[in-house]
C-alpha atoms as a PDB file:
ATOM      1  CA  MET A   1      78.780  -7.028  42.366  1.00  0.00           C
ATOM      2  CA  LYS A   2      76.285  -6.598  39.567  1.00  0.00           C
ATOM      3  CA  THR A   3      75.660  -3.056  38.311  1.00  0.00           C
ATOM      4  CA  ILE A   4      72.198  -1.969  37.135  1.00  0.00           C
ATOM      5  CA  LYS A   5      71.810   1.188  35.050  1.00  0.00           C
ATOM      6  CA  ALA A   6      68.722   3.204  35.925  1.00  0.00           C
ATOM      7  CA  ILE A   7      66.739   3.796  32.747  1.00  0.00           C
ATOM      8  CA  PRO A   8      64.127   6.410  31.894  1.00  0.00           C
ATOM      9  CA  LEU A   9      60.605   5.358  32.795  1.00  0.00           C
ATOM     10  CA  THR A  10      58.481   4.110  29.880  1.00  0.00           C
ATOM     11  CA  HIS A  11      55.116   2.376  29.890  1.00  0.00           C
ATOM     12  CA  GLU A  12      56.561  -0.572  27.979  1.00  0.00           C
ATOM     13  CA  ASP A  13      59.480  -1.168  30.364  1.00  0.00           C
ATOM     14  CA  PHE A  14      57.434  -0.647  33.541  1.00  0.00           C
ATOM     15  CA  ALA A  15      54.380  -2.703  32.438  1.00  0.00           C
ATOM     16  CA  PRO A  16      55.534  -5.976  34.102  1.00  0.00           C
ATOM     17  CA  PHE A  17      55.649  -4.166  37.463  1.00  0.00           C
ATOM     18  CA  GLY A  18      52.604  -1.878  37.344  1.00  0.00           C
ATOM     19  CA  GLN A  19      51.569   1.434  35.860  1.00  0.00           C
ATOM     20  CA  PHE A  20      52.282   5.161  36.208  1.00  0.00           C
ATOM     21  CA  TYR A  21      50.908   8.575  35.340  1.00  0.00           C
ATOM     22  CA  THR A  22      52.495  12.049  35.430  1.00  0.00           C
ATOM     23  CA  MET A  23      50.106  14.035  37.600  1.00  0.00           C
ATOM     24  CA  THR A  24      51.387  17.496  36.627  1.00  0.00           C
ATOM     25  CA  LYS A  25      51.090  16.830  32.871  1.00  0.00           C
ATOM     26  CA  PRO A  26      47.660  15.238  32.465  1.00  0.00           C
ATOM     27  CA  ASP A  27      46.583  14.172  29.013  1.00  0.00           C
ATOM     28  CA  GLY A  28      43.818  12.271  27.300  1.00  0.00           C
ATOM     29  CA  TYR A  29      40.106  12.487  27.927  1.00  0.00           C
ATOM     30  CA  ALA A  30      38.999  15.004  30.553  1.00  0.00           C
ATOM     31  CA  LEU A  31      35.697  15.950  32.105  1.00  0.00           C
ATOM     32  CA  CYS A  32      35.527  19.692  31.601  1.00  0.00           C
ATOM     33  CA  GLY A  33      33.873  22.309  33.727  1.00  0.00           C
ATOM     34  CA  GLU A  34      33.720  26.013  33.207  1.00  0.00           C
ATOM     35  CA  ILE A  35      37.067  26.601  34.933  1.00  0.00           C
ATOM     36  CA  HIS A  36      38.573  23.134  35.299  1.00  0.00           C
ATOM     37  CA  LYS A  37      39.514  19.911  33.547  1.00  0.00           C
ATOM     38  CA  PHE A  38      39.228  16.685  35.560  1.00  0.00           C
ATOM     39  CA  TYR A  39      41.184  13.626  34.379  1.00  0.00           C
ATOM     40  CA  PRO A  40      39.445  10.706  36.106  1.00  0.00           C
ATOM     41  CA  ASP A  41      40.862   7.324  37.090  1.00  0.00           C
ATOM     42  CA  ARG A  42      44.332   7.629  35.581  1.00  0.00           C
ATOM     43  CA  VAL A  43      45.738   5.130  38.108  1.00  0.00           C
ATOM     44  CA  VAL A  44      43.374   2.683  39.796  1.00  0.00           C
ATOM     45  CA  ALA A  45      43.999   0.462  42.821  1.00  0.00           C
ATOM     46  CA  ASP A  46      41.546  -1.994  44.339  1.00  0.00           C
ATOM     47  CA  SER A  47      41.312  -1.987  48.112  1.00  0.00           C
ATOM     48  CA  ASN A  48      38.850  -3.330  50.639  1.00  0.00           C
ATOM     49  CA  HIS A  49      40.714  -1.423  53.350  1.00  0.00           C
ATOM     50  CA  ARG A  50      41.318   2.132  54.388  1.00  0.00           C
ATOM     51  CA  VAL A  51      44.245   3.673  52.533  1.00  0.00           C
ATOM     52  CA  GLY A  52      47.160   5.404  54.263  1.00  0.00           C
ATOM     53  CA  PHE A  53      49.170   8.265  52.809  1.00  0.00           C
ATOM     54  CA  SER A  54      52.626   8.292  54.411  1.00  0.00           C
ATOM     55  CA  PRO A  55      55.534  10.599  53.620  1.00  0.00           C
ATOM     56  CA  ILE A  56      59.014   9.118  53.408  1.00  0.00           C
ATOM     57  CA  VAL A  57      62.288  11.053  53.435  1.00  0.00           C
ATOM     58  CA  VAL A  58      65.284   9.208  51.996  1.00  0.00           C
ATOM     59  CA  GLN A  59      68.885  10.447  52.140  1.00  0.00           C
ATOM     60  CA  LYS A  60      71.010   9.923  49.034  1.00  0.00           C
ATOM     61  CA  PRO A  61      73.680   7.310  49.756  1.00  0.00           C
ATOM     62  CA  GLU A  62      77.233   7.697  48.500  1.00  0.00           C
ATOM     63  CA  LYS A  63      76.641   4.587  46.362  1.00  0.00           C
ATOM     64  CA  MET A  64      73.257   3.056  45.563  1.00  0.00           C
ATOM     65  CA  VAL A  65      74.122  -0.458  46.725  1.00  0.00           C
ATOM     66  CA  ILE A  66      70.989  -2.546  47.296  1.00  0.00           C
ATOM     67  CA  THR A  67      71.347  -5.112  50.087  1.00  0.00           C
ATOM     68  CA  GLN A  68      67.641  -5.745  50.802  1.00  0.00           C
ATOM     69  CA  GLN A  69      64.358  -6.026  48.947  1.00  0.00           C
ATOM     70  CA  GLU A  70      60.762  -6.212  50.126  1.00  0.00           C
ATOM     71  CA  TYR A  71      57.380  -7.230  48.795  1.00  0.00           C
ATOM     72  CA  HIS A  72      53.721  -7.131  49.839  1.00  0.00           C
ATOM     73  CA  THR A  73      51.933 -10.428  49.192  1.00  0.00           C
ATOM     74  CA  THR A  74      48.384  -9.135  48.855  1.00  0.00           C
ATOM     75  CA  THR A  75      48.566  -5.472  48.007  1.00  0.00           C
ATOM     76  CA  TRP A  76      49.778  -2.909  45.533  1.00  0.00           C
ATOM     77  CA  GLU A  77      51.942   0.066  46.530  1.00  0.00           C
ATOM     78  CA  MET A  78      51.962   3.577  45.106  1.00  0.00           C
ATOM     79  CA  ILE A  79      54.816   6.077  45.339  1.00  0.00           C
ATOM     80  CA  LEU A  80      54.713   9.751  44.342  1.00  0.00           C
ATOM     81  CA  PRO A  81      58.083  11.562  44.337  1.00  0.00           C
ATOM     82  CA  LEU A  82      57.447  15.126  45.496  1.00  0.00           C
ATOM     83  CA  ASP A  83      60.668  17.133  45.422  1.00  0.00           C
ATOM     84  CA  ASP A  84      63.089  15.229  43.168  1.00  0.00           C
ATOM     85  CA  ASP A  85      63.132  12.535  40.533  1.00  0.00           C
ATOM     86  CA  MET A  86      63.501   9.131  42.167  1.00  0.00           C
ATOM     87  CA  ILE A  87      65.341   5.934  41.390  1.00  0.00           C
ATOM     88  CA  LEU A  88      63.132   2.883  41.924  1.00  0.00           C
ATOM     89  CA  HIS A  89      64.237  -0.714  41.511  1.00  0.00           C
ATOM     90  CA  CYS A  90      61.729  -3.493  40.817  1.00  0.00           C
ATOM     91  CA  ALA A  91      61.911  -7.212  40.214  1.00  0.00           C
ATOM     92  CA  PRO A  92      59.085  -9.594  39.278  1.00  0.00           C
ATOM     93  CA  ALA A  93      56.997 -11.433  41.836  1.00  0.00           C
ATOM     94  CA  SER A  94      58.433 -14.760  42.937  1.00  0.00           C
ATOM     95  CA  ALA A  95      57.749 -17.418  45.552  1.00  0.00           C
ATOM     96  CA  GLY A  96      59.234 -15.601  48.553  1.00  0.00           C
ATOM     97  CA  LYS A  97      62.790 -15.546  47.215  1.00  0.00           C
ATOM     98  CA  PRO A  98      64.206 -12.435  45.533  1.00  0.00           C
ATOM     99  CA  VAL A  99      65.087 -12.633  41.858  1.00  0.00           C
ATOM    100  CA  PRO A 100      67.749  -9.899  41.579  1.00  0.00           C
ATOM    101  CA  GLU A 101      68.867 -11.300  38.240  1.00  0.00           C
ATOM    102  CA  TYR A 102      65.646  -9.778  36.801  1.00  0.00           C
ATOM    103  CA  VAL A 103      65.810  -6.406  38.557  1.00  0.00           C
ATOM    104  CA  LYS A 104      65.318  -3.178  36.630  1.00  0.00           C
ATOM    105  CA  ALA A 105      65.921   0.337  37.918  1.00  0.00           C
ATOM    106  CA  PHE A 106      63.909   3.308  36.701  1.00  0.00           C
ATOM    107  CA  ILE A 107      64.355   7.062  36.795  1.00  0.00           C
ATOM    108  CA  VAL A 108      60.907   8.287  37.791  1.00  0.00           C
ATOM    109  CA  PRO A 109      60.247  12.010  37.220  1.00  0.00           C
ATOM    110  CA  LYS A 110      58.952  13.913  40.230  1.00  0.00           C
ATOM    111  CA  ASN A 111      55.150  14.186  40.392  1.00  0.00           C
ATOM    112  CA  THR A 112      54.796  10.853  38.550  1.00  0.00           C
ATOM    113  CA  LEU A 113      52.584   8.440  40.472  1.00  0.00           C
ATOM    114  CA  ILE A 114      53.897   4.870  40.350  1.00  0.00           C
ATOM    115  CA  LYS A 115      51.625   1.931  41.156  1.00  0.00           C
ATOM    116  CA  MET A 116      53.449  -1.357  41.709  1.00  0.00           C
ATOM    117  CA  ASN A 117      51.432  -4.544  41.535  1.00  0.00           C
ATOM    118  CA  ALA A 118      51.217  -6.908  44.509  1.00  0.00           C
ATOM    119  CA  ALA A 119      54.313  -9.021  45.203  1.00  0.00           C
ATOM    120  CA  ILE A 120      56.736  -6.888  43.157  1.00  0.00           C
ATOM    121  CA  TRP A 121      60.182  -6.812  44.794  1.00  0.00           C
ATOM    122  CA  HIS A 122      61.376  -3.287  45.621  1.00  0.00           C
ATOM    123  CA  LEU A 123      62.597  -1.143  48.508  1.00  0.00           C
ATOM    124  CA  ALA A 124      62.517   2.551  49.350  1.00  0.00           C
ATOM    125  CA  PRO A 125      62.939   4.958  46.451  1.00  0.00           C
ATOM    126  CA  LEU A 126      66.246   6.815  46.204  1.00  0.00           C
ATOM    127  CA  PRO A 127      66.877  10.466  45.281  1.00  0.00           C
ATOM    128  CA  ALA A 128      68.075  10.854  41.705  1.00  0.00           C
ATOM    129  CA  ASN A 129      69.587  14.332  41.972  1.00  0.00           C
ATOM    130  CA  ASN A 130      69.162  15.959  45.383  1.00  0.00           C
ATOM    131  CA  SER A 131      70.732  15.033  48.704  1.00  0.00           C
ATOM    132  CA  SER A 132      67.343  13.771  49.887  1.00  0.00           C
ATOM    133  CA  LEU A 133      63.980  12.758  48.448  1.00  0.00           C
ATOM    134  CA  THR A 134      60.564  13.324  49.947  1.00  0.00           C
ATOM    135  CA  ALA A 135      57.931  11.015  48.507  1.00  0.00           C
ATOM    136  CA  MET A 136      54.388   9.946  49.346  1.00  0.00           C
ATOM    137  CA  ILE A 137      53.894   6.223  49.977  1.00  0.00           C
ATOM    138  CA  ILE A 138      50.294   5.088  49.450  1.00  0.00           C
ATOM    139  CA  LEU A 139      49.290   1.683  50.818  1.00  0.00           C
ATOM    140  CA  PRO A 140      46.283   0.056  52.429  1.00  0.00           C
ATOM    141  CA  GLU A 141      46.465   0.997  56.096  1.00  0.00           C
ATOM    142  CA  CYS A 142      49.053  -0.912  58.174  1.00  0.00           C
ATOM    143  CA  THR A 143      50.487  -2.868  55.209  1.00  0.00           C
ATOM    144  CA  TYR A 144      53.955  -2.158  56.595  1.00  0.00           C
ATOM    145  CA  ALA A 145      52.928  -4.020  59.774  1.00  0.00           C
ATOM    146  CA  ASN A 146      50.942  -6.973  58.402  1.00  0.00           C
ATOM    147  CA  ASP A 147      52.026  -7.604  54.799  1.00  0.00           C
ATOM    148  CA  CYS A 148      55.641  -6.571  54.365  1.00  0.00           C
ATOM    149  CA  THR A 149      58.420  -9.099  53.904  1.00  0.00           C
ATOM    150  CA  VAL A 150      61.946  -7.677  53.876  1.00  0.00           C
ATOM    151  CA  VAL A 151      64.718 -10.017  52.730  1.00  0.00           C
ATOM    152  CA  ASP A 152      68.470  -9.506  53.055  1.00  0.00           C
ATOM    153  CA  LEU A 153      70.211 -10.211  49.762  1.00  0.00           C
ATOM    154  CA  ALA A 154      73.162 -12.584  49.847  1.00  0.00           C
ATOM    155  CA  PRO A 155      76.425 -10.835  48.915  1.00  0.00           C
ATOM    156  CA  GLU A 156      76.321 -12.372  45.427  1.00  0.00           C
ATOM    157  CA  GLU A 157      72.726 -11.091  44.947  1.00  0.00           C
ATOM    158  CA  GLN A 158      73.445  -7.481  45.927  1.00  0.00           C
ATOM    159  CA  PHE A 159      73.645  -4.890  43.201  1.00  0.00           C
ATOM    160  CA  GLU A 160      74.596  -1.263  42.638  1.00  0.00           C
ATOM    161  CA  ILE A 161      72.378   1.146  40.748  1.00  0.00           C
ATOM    162  CA  ILE A 162      74.066   3.792  38.602  1.00  0.00           C
ATOM    163  CA  LYS A 163      72.513   6.682  36.691  1.00  0.00           C
END
């Protein structure tokens, strides 16, 4: 079984999959009021649909063995880890068949909003440190019901993520 080492999140490494921004450490240009600073449009997602905000709670497995991946053909997905850093694996878009040979795993600091582009292979985030992770999943409404393809990986395609 292939082993993937989770690496720290950088803009350069994550660029093929999407973008991210640390919400609790804003930087760059801000619109300033008398008692506030507003950092507009740090992560942008196009949508012609209503957007759903859905919490997910994931238990930390004994081993991070990945046996499935999913993708959304027509939409992006955002994930915001709330109470722990998360491990997120991504692979490039492909024609309906996973490409685990190109998978990367990232250590995403809590409160860092990840936006994955449409068709990026992934699955639920995993807790990096705690026994469970609570995260916010942000998708156009009902994506999980009408644009979510989950694929079982063949035994030779499965991989384990290590920190």
